[in-house]
Amino acid sequence: EYVVALQDDAIVDERVVPSDTFPYG
């Protein structure tokens, strides 16, 4: 997951989706 702030032209958050740890998804 990346959250981009358009007014700042920048990535403000980054997180790997944990699909290999319970409860998956």
PDBML (XML) file of the C-alpha atoms, coordinates in Angstrom:
<?xml version="1.0" encoding="UTF-8" ?>
<PDBx:datablock datablockName="MODEL"
   xmlns:PDBx="http://pdbml.pdb.org/schema/pdbx-v50.xsd"
   xmlns:xsi="http://www.w3.org/2001/XMLSchema-instance"
   xsi:schemaLocation="http://pdbml.pdb.org/schema/pdbx-v50.xsd pdbx-v50.xsd">
   <PDBx:atom_siteCategory>
      <PDBx:atom_site id="1">
         <PDBx:B_iso_or_equiv>0.00</PDBx:B_iso_or_equiv>
         <PDBx:Cartn_x>0.000</PDBx:Cartn_x>
         <PDBx:Cartn_y>0.000</PDBx:Cartn_y>
         <PDBx:Cartn_z>0.000</PDBx:Cartn_z>
         <PDBx:auth_asym_id>A</PDBx:auth_asym_id>
         <PDBx:auth_atom_id>CA</PDBx:auth_atom_id>
         <PDBx:auth_comp_id>GLU</PDBx:auth_comp_id>
         <PDBx:auth_seq_id>1</PDBx:auth_seq_id>
         <PDBx:group_PDB>ATOM</PDBx:group_PDB>
         <PDBx:label_alt_id xsi:nil="true" />
         <PDBx:label_asym_id>A</PDBx:label_asym_id>
         <PDBx:label_atom_id>CA</PDBx:label_atom_id>
         <PDBx:label_comp_id>GLU</PDBx:label_comp_id>
         <PDBx:label_entity_id>1</PDBx:label_entity_id>
         <PDBx:label_seq_id>1</PDBx:label_seq_id>
         <PDBx:occupancy>1.00</PDBx:occupancy>
         <PDBx:pdbx_PDB_model_num>1</PDBx:pdbx_PDB_model_num>
         <PDBx:type_symbol>C</PDBx:type_symbol>
      </PDBx:atom_site>
      <PDBx:atom_site id="2">
         <PDBx:B_iso_or_equiv>0.00</PDBx:B_iso_or_equiv>
         <PDBx:Cartn_x>1.264</PDBx:Cartn_x>
         <PDBx:Cartn_y>3.460</PDBx:Cartn_y>
         <PDBx:Cartn_z>-0.930</PDBx:Cartn_z>
         <PDBx:auth_asym_id>A</PDBx:auth_asym_id>
         <PDBx:auth_atom_id>CA</PDBx:auth_atom_id>
         <PDBx:auth_comp_id>TYR</PDBx:auth_comp_id>
         <PDBx:auth_seq_id>2</PDBx:auth_seq_id>
         <PDBx:group_PDB>ATOM</PDBx:group_PDB>
         <PDBx:label_alt_id xsi:nil="true" />
         <PDBx:label_asym_id>A</PDBx:label_asym_id>
         <PDBx:label_atom_id>CA</PDBx:label_atom_id>
         <PDBx:label_comp_id>TYR</PDBx:label_comp_id>
         <PDBx:label_entity_id>1</PDBx:label_entity_id>
         <PDBx:label_seq_id>2</PDBx:label_seq_id>
         <PDBx:occupancy>1.00</PDBx:occupancy>
         <PDBx:pdbx_PDB_model_num>1</PDBx:pdbx_PDB_model_num>
         <PDBx:type_symbol>C</PDBx:type_symbol>
      </PDBx:atom_site>
      <PDBx:atom_site id="3">
         <PDBx:B_iso_or_equiv>0.00</PDBx:B_iso_or_equiv>
         <PDBx:Cartn_x>-0.483</PDBx:Cartn_x>
         <PDBx:Cartn_y>6.690</PDBx:Cartn_y>
         <PDBx:Cartn_z>0.034</PDBx:Cartn_z>
         <PDBx:auth_asym_id>A</PDBx:auth_asym_id>
         <PDBx:auth_atom_id>CA</PDBx:auth_atom_id>
         <PDBx:auth_comp_id>VAL</PDBx:auth_comp_id>
         <PDBx:auth_seq_id>3</PDBx:auth_seq_id>
         <PDBx:group_PDB>ATOM</PDBx:group_PDB>
         <PDBx:label_alt_id xsi:nil="true" />
         <PDBx:label_asym_id>A</PDBx:label_asym_id>
         <PDBx:label_atom_id>CA</PDBx:label_atom_id>
         <PDBx:label_comp_id>VAL</PDBx:label_comp_id>
         <PDBx:label_entity_id>1</PDBx:label_entity_id>
         <PDBx:label_seq_id>3</PDBx:label_seq_id>
         <PDBx:occupancy>1.00</PDBx:occupancy>
         <PDBx:pdbx_PDB_model_num>1</PDBx:pdbx_PDB_model_num>
         <PDBx:type_symbol>C</PDBx:type_symbol>
      </PDBx:atom_site>
      <PDBx:atom_site id="4">
         <PDBx:B_iso_or_equiv>0.00</PDBx:B_iso_or_equiv>
         <PDBx:Cartn_x>0.469</PDBx:Cartn_x>
         <PDBx:Cartn_y>9.594</PDBx:Cartn_y>
         <PDBx:Cartn_z>-2.216</PDBx:Cartn_z>
         <PDBx:auth_asym_id>A</PDBx:auth_asym_id>
         <PDBx:auth_atom_id>CA</PDBx:auth_atom_id>
         <PDBx:auth_comp_id>VAL</PDBx:auth_comp_id>
         <PDBx:auth_seq_id>4</PDBx:auth_seq_id>
         <PDBx:group_PDB>ATOM</PDBx:group_PDB>
         <PDBx:label_alt_id xsi:nil="true" />
         <PDBx:label_asym_id>A</PDBx:label_asym_id>
         <PDBx:label_atom_id>CA</PDBx:label_atom_id>
         <PDBx:label_comp_id>VAL</PDBx:label_comp_id>
         <PDBx:label_entity_id>1</PDBx:label_entity_id>
         <PDBx:label_seq_id>4</PDBx:label_seq_id>
         <PDBx:occupancy>1.00</PDBx:occupancy>
         <PDBx:pdbx_PDB_model_num>1</PDBx:pdbx_PDB_model_num>
         <PDBx:type_symbol>C</PDBx:type_symbol>
      </PDBx:atom_site>
      <PDBx:atom_site id="5">
         <PDBx:B_iso_or_equiv>0.00</PDBx:B_iso_or_equiv>
         <PDBx:Cartn_x>-0.204</PDBx:Cartn_x>
         <PDBx:Cartn_y>13.187</PDBx:Cartn_y>
         <PDBx:Cartn_z>-1.127</PDBx:Cartn_z>
         <PDBx:auth_asym_id>A</PDBx:auth_asym_id>
         <PDBx:auth_atom_id>CA</PDBx:auth_atom_id>
         <PDBx:auth_comp_id>ALA</PDBx:auth_comp_id>
         <PDBx:auth_seq_id>5</PDBx:auth_seq_id>
         <PDBx:group_PDB>ATOM</PDBx:group_PDB>
         <PDBx:label_alt_id xsi:nil="true" />
         <PDBx:label_asym_id>A</PDBx:label_asym_id>
         <PDBx:label_atom_id>CA</PDBx:label_atom_id>
         <PDBx:label_comp_id>ALA</PDBx:label_comp_id>
         <PDBx:label_entity_id>1</PDBx:label_entity_id>
         <PDBx:label_seq_id>5</PDBx:label_seq_id>
         <PDBx:occupancy>1.00</PDBx:occupancy>
         <PDBx:pdbx_PDB_model_num>1</PDBx:pdbx_PDB_model_num>
         <PDBx:type_symbol>C</PDBx:type_symbol>
      </PDBx:atom_site>
      <PDBx:atom_site id="6">
         <PDBx:B_iso_or_equiv>0.00</PDBx:B_iso_or_equiv>
         <PDBx:Cartn_x>-0.868</PDBx:Cartn_x>
         <PDBx:Cartn_y>14.964</PDBx:Cartn_y>
         <PDBx:Cartn_z>-4.402</PDBx:Cartn_z>
         <PDBx:auth_asym_id>A</PDBx:auth_asym_id>
         <PDBx:auth_atom_id>CA</PDBx:auth_atom_id>
         <PDBx:auth_comp_id>LEU</PDBx:auth_comp_id>
         <PDBx:auth_seq_id>6</PDBx:auth_seq_id>
         <PDBx:group_PDB>ATOM</PDBx:group_PDB>
         <PDBx:label_alt_id xsi:nil="true" />
         <PDBx:label_asym_id>A</PDBx:label_asym_id>
         <PDBx:label_atom_id>CA</PDBx:label_atom_id>
         <PDBx:label_comp_id>LEU</PDBx:label_comp_id>
         <PDBx:label_entity_id>1</PDBx:label_entity_id>
         <PDBx:label_seq_id>6</PDBx:label_seq_id>
         <PDBx:occupancy>1.00</PDBx:occupancy>
         <PDBx:pdbx_PDB_model_num>1</PDBx:pdbx_PDB_model_num>
         <PDBx:type_symbol>C</PDBx:type_symbol>
      </PDBx:atom_site>
      <PDBx:atom_site id="7">
         <PDBx:B_iso_or_equiv>0.00</PDBx:B_iso_or_equiv>
         <PDBx:Cartn_x>-0.341</PDBx:Cartn_x>
         <PDBx:Cartn_y>18.453</PDBx:Cartn_y>
         <PDBx:Cartn_z>-3.004</PDBx:Cartn_z>
         <PDBx:auth_asym_id>A</PDBx:auth_asym_id>
         <PDBx:auth_atom_id>CA</PDBx:auth_atom_id>
         <PDBx:auth_comp_id>GLN</PDBx:auth_comp_id>
         <PDBx:auth_seq_id>7</PDBx:auth_seq_id>
         <PDBx:group_PDB>ATOM</PDBx:group_PDB>
         <PDBx:label_alt_id xsi:nil="true" />
         <PDBx:label_asym_id>A</PDBx:label_asym_id>
         <PDBx:label_atom_id>CA</PDBx:label_atom_id>
         <PDBx:label_comp_id>GLN</PDBx:label_comp_id>
         <PDBx:label_entity_id>1</PDBx:label_entity_id>
         <PDBx:label_seq_id>7</PDBx:label_seq_id>
         <PDBx:occupancy>1.00</PDBx:occupancy>
         <PDBx:pdbx_PDB_model_num>1</PDBx:pdbx_PDB_model_num>
         <PDBx:type_symbol>C</PDBx:type_symbol>
      </PDBx:atom_site>
      <PDBx:atom_site id="8">
         <PDBx:B_iso_or_equiv>0.00</PDBx:B_iso_or_equiv>
         <PDBx:Cartn_x>3.120</PDBx:Cartn_x>
         <PDBx:Cartn_y>17.397</PDBx:Cartn_y>
         <PDBx:Cartn_z>-1.770</PDBx:Cartn_z>
         <PDBx:auth_asym_id>A</PDBx:auth_asym_id>
         <PDBx:auth_atom_id>CA</PDBx:auth_atom_id>
         <PDBx:auth_comp_id>ASP</PDBx:auth_comp_id>
         <PDBx:auth_seq_id>8</PDBx:auth_seq_id>
         <PDBx:group_PDB>ATOM</PDBx:group_PDB>
         <PDBx:label_alt_id xsi:nil="true" />
         <PDBx:label_asym_id>A</PDBx:label_asym_id>
         <PDBx:label_atom_id>CA</PDBx:label_atom_id>
         <PDBx:label_comp_id>ASP</PDBx:label_comp_id>
         <PDBx:label_entity_id>1</PDBx:label_entity_id>
         <PDBx:label_seq_id>8</PDBx:label_seq_id>
         <PDBx:occupancy>1.00</PDBx:occupancy>
         <PDBx:pdbx_PDB_model_num>1</PDBx:pdbx_PDB_model_num>
         <PDBx:type_symbol>C</PDBx:type_symbol>
      </PDBx:atom_site>
      <PDBx:atom_site id="9">
         <PDBx:B_iso_or_equiv>0.00</PDBx:B_iso_or_equiv>
         <PDBx:Cartn_x>3.918</PDBx:Cartn_x>
         <PDBx:Cartn_y>15.263</PDBx:Cartn_y>
         <PDBx:Cartn_z>-4.809</PDBx:Cartn_z>
         <PDBx:auth_asym_id>A</PDBx:auth_asym_id>
         <PDBx:auth_atom_id>CA</PDBx:auth_atom_id>
         <PDBx:auth_comp_id>ASP</PDBx:auth_comp_id>
         <PDBx:auth_seq_id>9</PDBx:auth_seq_id>
         <PDBx:group_PDB>ATOM</PDBx:group_PDB>
         <PDBx:label_alt_id xsi:nil="true" />
         <PDBx:label_asym_id>A</PDBx:label_asym_id>
         <PDBx:label_atom_id>CA</PDBx:label_atom_id>
         <PDBx:label_comp_id>ASP</PDBx:label_comp_id>
         <PDBx:label_entity_id>1</PDBx:label_entity_id>
         <PDBx:label_seq_id>9</PDBx:label_seq_id>
         <PDBx:occupancy>1.00</PDBx:occupancy>
         <PDBx:pdbx_PDB_model_num>1</PDBx:pdbx_PDB_model_num>
         <PDBx:type_symbol>C</PDBx:type_symbol>
      </PDBx:atom_site>
      <PDBx:atom_site id="10">
         <PDBx:B_iso_or_equiv>0.00</PDBx:B_iso_or_equiv>
         <PDBx:Cartn_x>5.205</PDBx:Cartn_x>
         <PDBx:Cartn_y>12.626</PDBx:Cartn_y>
         <PDBx:Cartn_z>-2.382</PDBx:Cartn_z>
         <PDBx:auth_asym_id>A</PDBx:auth_asym_id>
         <PDBx:auth_atom_id>CA</PDBx:auth_atom_id>
         <PDBx:auth_comp_id>ALA</PDBx:auth_comp_id>
         <PDBx:auth_seq_id>10</PDBx:auth_seq_id>
         <PDBx:group_PDB>ATOM</PDBx:group_PDB>
         <PDBx:label_alt_id xsi:nil="true" />
         <PDBx:label_asym_id>A</PDBx:label_asym_id>
         <PDBx:label_atom_id>CA</PDBx:label_atom_id>
         <PDBx:label_comp_id>ALA</PDBx:label_comp_id>
         <PDBx:label_entity_id>1</PDBx:label_entity_id>
         <PDBx:label_seq_id>10</PDBx:label_seq_id>
         <PDBx:occupancy>1.00</PDBx:occupancy>
         <PDBx:pdbx_PDB_model_num>1</PDBx:pdbx_PDB_model_num>
         <PDBx:type_symbol>C</PDBx:type_symbol>
      </PDBx:atom_site>
      <PDBx:atom_site id="11">
         <PDBx:B_iso_or_equiv>0.00</PDBx:B_iso_or_equiv>
         <PDBx:Cartn_x>4.614</PDBx:Cartn_x>
         <PDBx:Cartn_y>9.211</PDBx:Cartn_y>
         <PDBx:Cartn_z>-0.848</PDBx:Cartn_z>
         <PDBx:auth_asym_id>A</PDBx:auth_asym_id>
         <PDBx:auth_atom_id>CA</PDBx:auth_atom_id>
         <PDBx:auth_comp_id>ILE</PDBx:auth_comp_id>
         <PDBx:auth_seq_id>11</PDBx:auth_seq_id>
         <PDBx:group_PDB>ATOM</PDBx:group_PDB>
         <PDBx:label_alt_id xsi:nil="true" />
         <PDBx:label_asym_id>A</PDBx:label_asym_id>
         <PDBx:label_atom_id>CA</PDBx:label_atom_id>
         <PDBx:label_comp_id>ILE</PDBx:label_comp_id>
         <PDBx:label_entity_id>1</PDBx:label_entity_id>
         <PDBx:label_seq_id>11</PDBx:label_seq_id>
         <PDBx:occupancy>1.00</PDBx:occupancy>
         <PDBx:pdbx_PDB_model_num>1</PDBx:pdbx_PDB_model_num>
         <PDBx:type_symbol>C</PDBx:type_symbol>
      </PDBx:atom_site>
      <PDBx:atom_site id="12">
         <PDBx:B_iso_or_equiv>0.00</PDBx:B_iso_or_equiv>
         <PDBx:Cartn_x>3.518</PDBx:Cartn_x>
         <PDBx:Cartn_y>9.785</PDBx:Cartn_y>
         <PDBx:Cartn_z>2.756</PDBx:Cartn_z>
         <PDBx:auth_asym_id>A</PDBx:auth_asym_id>
         <PDBx:auth_atom_id>CA</PDBx:auth_atom_id>
         <PDBx:auth_comp_id>VAL</PDBx:auth_comp_id>
         <PDBx:auth_seq_id>12</PDBx:auth_seq_id>
         <PDBx:group_PDB>ATOM</PDBx:group_PDB>
         <PDBx:label_alt_id xsi:nil="true" />
         <PDBx:label_asym_id>A</PDBx:label_asym_id>
         <PDBx:label_atom_id>CA</PDBx:label_atom_id>
         <PDBx:label_comp_id>VAL</PDBx:label_comp_id>
         <PDBx:label_entity_id>1</PDBx:label_entity_id>
         <PDBx:label_seq_id>12</PDBx:label_seq_id>
         <PDBx:occupancy>1.00</PDBx:occupancy>
         <PDBx:pdbx_PDB_model_num>1</PDBx:pdbx_PDB_model_num>
         <PDBx:type_symbol>C</PDBx:type_symbol>
      </PDBx:atom_site>
      <PDBx:atom_site id="13">
         <PDBx:B_iso_or_equiv>0.00</PDBx:B_iso_or_equiv>
         <PDBx:Cartn_x>2.797</PDBx:Cartn_x>
         <PDBx:Cartn_y>6.193</PDBx:Cartn_y>
         <PDBx:Cartn_z>3.812</PDBx:Cartn_z>
         <PDBx:auth_asym_id>A</PDBx:auth_asym_id>
         <PDBx:auth_atom_id>CA</PDBx:auth_atom_id>
         <PDBx:auth_comp_id>ASP</PDBx:auth_comp_id>
         <PDBx:auth_seq_id>13</PDBx:auth_seq_id>
         <PDBx:group_PDB>ATOM</PDBx:group_PDB>
         <PDBx:label_alt_id xsi:nil="true" />
         <PDBx:label_asym_id>A</PDBx:label_asym_id>
         <PDBx:label_atom_id>CA</PDBx:label_atom_id>
         <PDBx:label_comp_id>ASP</PDBx:label_comp_id>
         <PDBx:label_entity_id>1</PDBx:label_entity_id>
         <PDBx:label_seq_id>13</PDBx:label_seq_id>
         <PDBx:occupancy>1.00</PDBx:occupancy>
         <PDBx:pdbx_PDB_model_num>1</PDBx:pdbx_PDB_model_num>
         <PDBx:type_symbol>C</PDBx:type_symbol>
      </PDBx:atom_site>
      <PDBx:atom_site id="14">
         <PDBx:B_iso_or_equiv>0.00</PDBx:B_iso_or_equiv>
         <PDBx:Cartn_x>4.000</PDBx:Cartn_x>
         <PDBx:Cartn_y>2.761</PDBx:Cartn_y>
         <PDBx:Cartn_z>2.729</PDBx:Cartn_z>
         <PDBx:auth_asym_id>A</PDBx:auth_asym_id>
         <PDBx:auth_atom_id>CA</PDBx:auth_atom_id>
         <PDBx:auth_comp_id>GLU</PDBx:auth_comp_id>
         <PDBx:auth_seq_id>14</PDBx:auth_seq_id>
         <PDBx:group_PDB>ATOM</PDBx:group_PDB>
         <PDBx:label_alt_id xsi:nil="true" />
         <PDBx:label_asym_id>A</PDBx:label_asym_id>
         <PDBx:label_atom_id>CA</PDBx:label_atom_id>
         <PDBx:label_comp_id>GLU</PDBx:label_comp_id>
         <PDBx:label_entity_id>1</PDBx:label_entity_id>
         <PDBx:label_seq_id>14</PDBx:label_seq_id>
         <PDBx:occupancy>1.00</PDBx:occupancy>
         <PDBx:pdbx_PDB_model_num>1</PDBx:pdbx_PDB_model_num>
         <PDBx:type_symbol>C</PDBx:type_symbol>
      </PDBx:atom_site>
      <PDBx:atom_site id="15">
         <PDBx:B_iso_or_equiv>0.00</PDBx:B_iso_or_equiv>
         <PDBx:Cartn_x>3.001</PDBx:Cartn_x>
         <PDBx:Cartn_y>-0.668</PDBx:Cartn_y>
         <PDBx:Cartn_z>4.074</PDBx:Cartn_z>
         <PDBx:auth_asym_id>A</PDBx:auth_asym_id>
         <PDBx:auth_atom_id>CA</PDBx:auth_atom_id>
         <PDBx:auth_comp_id>ARG</PDBx:auth_comp_id>
         <PDBx:auth_seq_id>15</PDBx:auth_seq_id>
         <PDBx:group_PDB>ATOM</PDBx:group_PDB>
         <PDBx:label_alt_id xsi:nil="true" />
         <PDBx:label_asym_id>A</PDBx:label_asym_id>
         <PDBx:label_atom_id>CA</PDBx:label_atom_id>
         <PDBx:label_comp_id>ARG</PDBx:label_comp_id>
         <PDBx:label_entity_id>1</PDBx:label_entity_id>
         <PDBx:label_seq_id>15</PDBx:label_seq_id>
         <PDBx:occupancy>1.00</PDBx:occupancy>
         <PDBx:pdbx_PDB_model_num>1</PDBx:pdbx_PDB_model_num>
         <PDBx:type_symbol>C</PDBx:type_symbol>
      </PDBx:atom_site>
      <PDBx:atom_site id="16">
         <PDBx:B_iso_or_equiv>0.00</PDBx:B_iso_or_equiv>
         <PDBx:Cartn_x>3.349</PDBx:Cartn_x>
         <PDBx:Cartn_y>-4.251</PDBx:Cartn_y>
         <PDBx:Cartn_z>2.807</PDBx:Cartn_z>
         <PDBx:auth_asym_id>A</PDBx:auth_asym_id>
         <PDBx:auth_atom_id>CA</PDBx:auth_atom_id>
         <PDBx:auth_comp_id>VAL</PDBx:auth_comp_id>
         <PDBx:auth_seq_id>16</PDBx:auth_seq_id>
         <PDBx:group_PDB>ATOM</PDBx:group_PDB>
         <PDBx:label_alt_id xsi:nil="true" />
         <PDBx:label_asym_id>A</PDBx:label_asym_id>
         <PDBx:label_atom_id>CA</PDBx:label_atom_id>
         <PDBx:label_comp_id>VAL</PDBx:label_comp_id>
         <PDBx:label_entity_id>1</PDBx:label_entity_id>
         <PDBx:label_seq_id>16</PDBx:label_seq_id>
         <PDBx:occupancy>1.00</PDBx:occupancy>
         <PDBx:pdbx_PDB_model_num>1</PDBx:pdbx_PDB_model_num>
         <PDBx:type_symbol>C</PDBx:type_symbol>
      </PDBx:atom_site>
      <PDBx:atom_site id="17">
         <PDBx:B_iso_or_equiv>0.00</PDBx:B_iso_or_equiv>
         <PDBx:Cartn_x>0.054</PDBx:Cartn_x>
         <PDBx:Cartn_y>-6.161</PDBx:Cartn_y>
         <PDBx:Cartn_z>2.875</PDBx:Cartn_z>
         <PDBx:auth_asym_id>A</PDBx:auth_asym_id>
         <PDBx:auth_atom_id>CA</PDBx:auth_atom_id>
         <PDBx:auth_comp_id>VAL</PDBx:auth_comp_id>
         <PDBx:auth_seq_id>17</PDBx:auth_seq_id>
         <PDBx:group_PDB>ATOM</PDBx:group_PDB>
         <PDBx:label_alt_id xsi:nil="true" />
         <PDBx:label_asym_id>A</PDBx:label_asym_id>
         <PDBx:label_atom_id>CA</PDBx:label_atom_id>
         <PDBx:label_comp_id>VAL</PDBx:label_comp_id>
         <PDBx:label_entity_id>1</PDBx:label_entity_id>
         <PDBx:label_seq_id>17</PDBx:label_seq_id>
         <PDBx:occupancy>1.00</PDBx:occupancy>
         <PDBx:pdbx_PDB_model_num>1</PDBx:pdbx_PDB_model_num>
         <PDBx:type_symbol>C</PDBx:type_symbol>
      </PDBx:atom_site>
      <PDBx:atom_site id="18">
         <PDBx:B_iso_or_equiv>0.00</PDBx:B_iso_or_equiv>
         <PDBx:Cartn_x>0.778</PDBx:Cartn_x>
         <PDBx:Cartn_y>-9.093</PDBx:Cartn_y>
         <PDBx:Cartn_z>5.241</PDBx:Cartn_z>
         <PDBx:auth_asym_id>A</PDBx:auth_asym_id>
         <PDBx:auth_atom_id>CA</PDBx:auth_atom_id>
         <PDBx:auth_comp_id>PRO</PDBx:auth_comp_id>
         <PDBx:auth_seq_id>18</PDBx:auth_seq_id>
         <PDBx:group_PDB>ATOM</PDBx:group_PDB>
         <PDBx:label_alt_id xsi:nil="true" />
         <PDBx:label_asym_id>A</PDBx:label_asym_id>
         <PDBx:label_atom_id>CA</PDBx:label_atom_id>
         <PDBx:label_comp_id>PRO</PDBx:label_comp_id>
         <PDBx:label_entity_id>1</PDBx:label_entity_id>
         <PDBx:label_seq_id>18</PDBx:label_seq_id>
         <PDBx:occupancy>1.00</PDBx:occupancy>
         <PDBx:pdbx_PDB_model_num>1</PDBx:pdbx_PDB_model_num>
         <PDBx:type_symbol>C</PDBx:type_symbol>
      </PDBx:atom_site>
      <PDBx:atom_site id="19">
         <PDBx:B_iso_or_equiv>0.00</PDBx:B_iso_or_equiv>
         <PDBx:Cartn_x>-0.705</PDBx:Cartn_x>
         <PDBx:Cartn_y>-11.956</PDBx:Cartn_y>
         <PDBx:Cartn_z>3.232</PDBx:Cartn_z>
         <PDBx:auth_asym_id>A</PDBx:auth_asym_id>
         <PDBx:auth_atom_id>CA</PDBx:auth_atom_id>
         <PDBx:auth_comp_id>SER</PDBx:auth_comp_id>
         <PDBx:auth_seq_id>19</PDBx:auth_seq_id>
         <PDBx:group_PDB>ATOM</PDBx:group_PDB>
         <PDBx:label_alt_id xsi:nil="true" />
         <PDBx:label_asym_id>A</PDBx:label_asym_id>
         <PDBx:label_atom_id>CA</PDBx:label_atom_id>
         <PDBx:label_comp_id>SER</PDBx:label_comp_id>
         <PDBx:label_entity_id>1</PDBx:label_entity_id>
         <PDBx:label_seq_id>19</PDBx:label_seq_id>
         <PDBx:occupancy>1.00</PDBx:occupancy>
         <PDBx:pdbx_PDB_model_num>1</PDBx:pdbx_PDB_model_num>
         <PDBx:type_symbol>C</PDBx:type_symbol>
      </PDBx:atom_site>
      <PDBx:atom_site id="20">
         <PDBx:B_iso_or_equiv>0.00</PDBx:B_iso_or_equiv>
         <PDBx:Cartn_x>1.485</PDBx:Cartn_x>
         <PDBx:Cartn_y>-14.651</PDBx:Cartn_y>
         <PDBx:Cartn_z>4.795</PDBx:Cartn_z>
         <PDBx:auth_asym_id>A</PDBx:auth_asym_id>
         <PDBx:auth_atom_id>CA</PDBx:auth_atom_id>
         <PDBx:auth_comp_id>ASP</PDBx:auth_comp_id>
         <PDBx:auth_seq_id>20</PDBx:auth_seq_id>
         <PDBx:group_PDB>ATOM</PDBx:group_PDB>
         <PDBx:label_alt_id xsi:nil="true" />
         <PDBx:label_asym_id>A</PDBx:label_asym_id>
         <PDBx:label_atom_id>CA</PDBx:label_atom_id>
         <PDBx:label_comp_id>ASP</PDBx:label_comp_id>
         <PDBx:label_entity_id>1</PDBx:label_entity_id>
         <PDBx:label_seq_id>20</PDBx:label_seq_id>
         <PDBx:occupancy>1.00</PDBx:occupancy>
         <PDBx:pdbx_PDB_model_num>1</PDBx:pdbx_PDB_model_num>
         <PDBx:type_symbol>C</PDBx:type_symbol>
      </PDBx:atom_site>
      <PDBx:atom_site id="21">
         <PDBx:B_iso_or_equiv>0.00</PDBx:B_iso_or_equiv>
         <PDBx:Cartn_x>0.639</PDBx:Cartn_x>
         <PDBx:Cartn_y>-14.067</PDBx:Cartn_y>
         <PDBx:Cartn_z>8.460</PDBx:Cartn_z>
         <PDBx:auth_asym_id>A</PDBx:auth_asym_id>
         <PDBx:auth_atom_id>CA</PDBx:auth_atom_id>
         <PDBx:auth_comp_id>THR</PDBx:auth_comp_id>
         <PDBx:auth_seq_id>21</PDBx:auth_seq_id>
         <PDBx:group_PDB>ATOM</PDBx:group_PDB>
         <PDBx:label_alt_id xsi:nil="true" />
         <PDBx:label_asym_id>A</PDBx:label_asym_id>
         <PDBx:label_atom_id>CA</PDBx:label_atom_id>
         <PDBx:label_comp_id>THR</PDBx:label_comp_id>
         <PDBx:label_entity_id>1</PDBx:label_entity_id>
         <PDBx:label_seq_id>21</PDBx:label_seq_id>
         <PDBx:occupancy>1.00</PDBx:occupancy>
         <PDBx:pdbx_PDB_model_num>1</PDBx:pdbx_PDB_model_num>
         <PDBx:type_symbol>C</PDBx:type_symbol>
      </PDBx:atom_site>
      <PDBx:atom_site id="22">
         <PDBx:B_iso_or_equiv>0.00</PDBx:B_iso_or_equiv>
         <PDBx:Cartn_x>-2.644</PDBx:Cartn_x>
         <PDBx:Cartn_y>-14.964</PDBx:Cartn_y>
         <PDBx:Cartn_z>10.156</PDBx:Cartn_z>
         <PDBx:auth_asym_id>A</PDBx:auth_asym_id>
         <PDBx:auth_atom_id>CA</PDBx:auth_atom_id>
         <PDBx:auth_comp_id>PHE</PDBx:auth_comp_id>
         <PDBx:auth_seq_id>22</PDBx:auth_seq_id>
         <PDBx:group_PDB>ATOM</PDBx:group_PDB>
         <PDBx:label_alt_id xsi:nil="true" />
         <PDBx:label_asym_id>A</PDBx:label_asym_id>
         <PDBx:label_atom_id>CA</PDBx:label_atom_id>
         <PDBx:label_comp_id>PHE</PDBx:label_comp_id>
         <PDBx:label_entity_id>1</PDBx:label_entity_id>
         <PDBx:label_seq_id>22</PDBx:label_seq_id>
         <PDBx:occupancy>1.00</PDBx:occupancy>
         <PDBx:pdbx_PDB_model_num>1</PDBx:pdbx_PDB_model_num>
         <PDBx:type_symbol>C</PDBx:type_symbol>
      </PDBx:atom_site>
      <PDBx:atom_site id="23">
         <PDBx:B_iso_or_equiv>0.00</PDBx:B_iso_or_equiv>
         <PDBx:Cartn_x>-5.386</PDBx:Cartn_x>
         <PDBx:Cartn_y>-14.062</PDBx:Cartn_y>
         <PDBx:Cartn_z>9.318</PDBx:Cartn_z>
         <PDBx:auth_asym_id>A</PDBx:auth_asym_id>
         <PDBx:auth_atom_id>CA</PDBx:auth_atom_id>
         <PDBx:auth_comp_id>PRO</PDBx:auth_comp_id>
         <PDBx:auth_seq_id>23</PDBx:auth_seq_id>
         <PDBx:group_PDB>ATOM</PDBx:group_PDB>
         <PDBx:label_alt_id xsi:nil="true" />
         <PDBx:label_asym_id>A</PDBx:label_asym_id>
         <PDBx:label_atom_id>CA</PDBx:label_atom_id>
         <PDBx:label_comp_id>PRO</PDBx:label_comp_id>
         <PDBx:label_entity_id>1</PDBx:label_entity_id>
         <PDBx:label_seq_id>23</PDBx:label_seq_id>
         <PDBx:occupancy>1.00</PDBx:occupancy>
         <PDBx:pdbx_PDB_model_num>1</PDBx:pdbx_PDB_model_num>
         <PDBx:type_symbol>C</PDBx:type_symbol>
      </PDBx:atom_site>
      <PDBx:atom_site id="24">
         <PDBx:B_iso_or_equiv>0.00</PDBx:B_iso_or_equiv>
         <PDBx:Cartn_x>-3.913</PDBx:Cartn_x>
         <PDBx:Cartn_y>-13.500</PDBx:Cartn_y>
         <PDBx:Cartn_z>5.848</PDBx:Cartn_z>
         <PDBx:auth_asym_id>A</PDBx:auth_asym_id>
         <PDBx:auth_atom_id>CA</PDBx:auth_atom_id>
         <PDBx:auth_comp_id>TYR</PDBx:auth_comp_id>
         <PDBx:auth_seq_id>24</PDBx:auth_seq_id>
         <PDBx:group_PDB>ATOM</PDBx:group_PDB>
         <PDBx:label_alt_id xsi:nil="true" />
         <PDBx:label_asym_id>A</PDBx:label_asym_id>
         <PDBx:label_atom_id>CA</PDBx:label_atom_id>
         <PDBx:label_comp_id>TYR</PDBx:label_comp_id>
         <PDBx:label_entity_id>1</PDBx:label_entity_id>
         <PDBx:label_seq_id>24</PDBx:label_seq_id>
         <PDBx:occupancy>1.00</PDBx:occupancy>
         <PDBx:pdbx_PDB_model_num>1</PDBx:pdbx_PDB_model_num>
         <PDBx:type_symbol>C</PDBx:type_symbol>
      </PDBx:atom_site>
      <PDBx:atom_site id="25">
         <PDBx:B_iso_or_equiv>0.00</PDBx:B_iso_or_equiv>
         <PDBx:Cartn_x>-5.900</PDBx:Cartn_x>
         <PDBx:Cartn_y>-11.732</PDBx:Cartn_y>
         <PDBx:Cartn_z>3.109</PDBx:Cartn_z>
         <PDBx:auth_asym_id>A</PDBx:auth_asym_id>
         <PDBx:auth_atom_id>CA</PDBx:auth_atom_id>
         <PDBx:auth_comp_id>GLY</PDBx:auth_comp_id>
         <PDBx:auth_seq_id>25</PDBx:auth_seq_id>
         <PDBx:group_PDB>ATOM</PDBx:group_PDB>
         <PDBx:label_alt_id xsi:nil="true" />
         <PDBx:label_asym_id>A</PDBx:label_asym_id>
         <PDBx:label_atom_id>CA</PDBx:label_atom_id>
         <PDBx:label_comp_id>GLY</PDBx:label_comp_id>
         <PDBx:label_entity_id>1</PDBx:label_entity_id>
         <PDBx:label_seq_id>25</PDBx:label_seq_id>
         <PDBx:occupancy>1.00</PDBx:occupancy>
         <PDBx:pdbx_PDB_model_num>1</PDBx:pdbx_PDB_model_num>
         <PDBx:type_symbol>C</PDBx:type_symbol>
      </PDBx:atom_site>
   </PDBx:atom_siteCategory>
</PDBx:datablock>
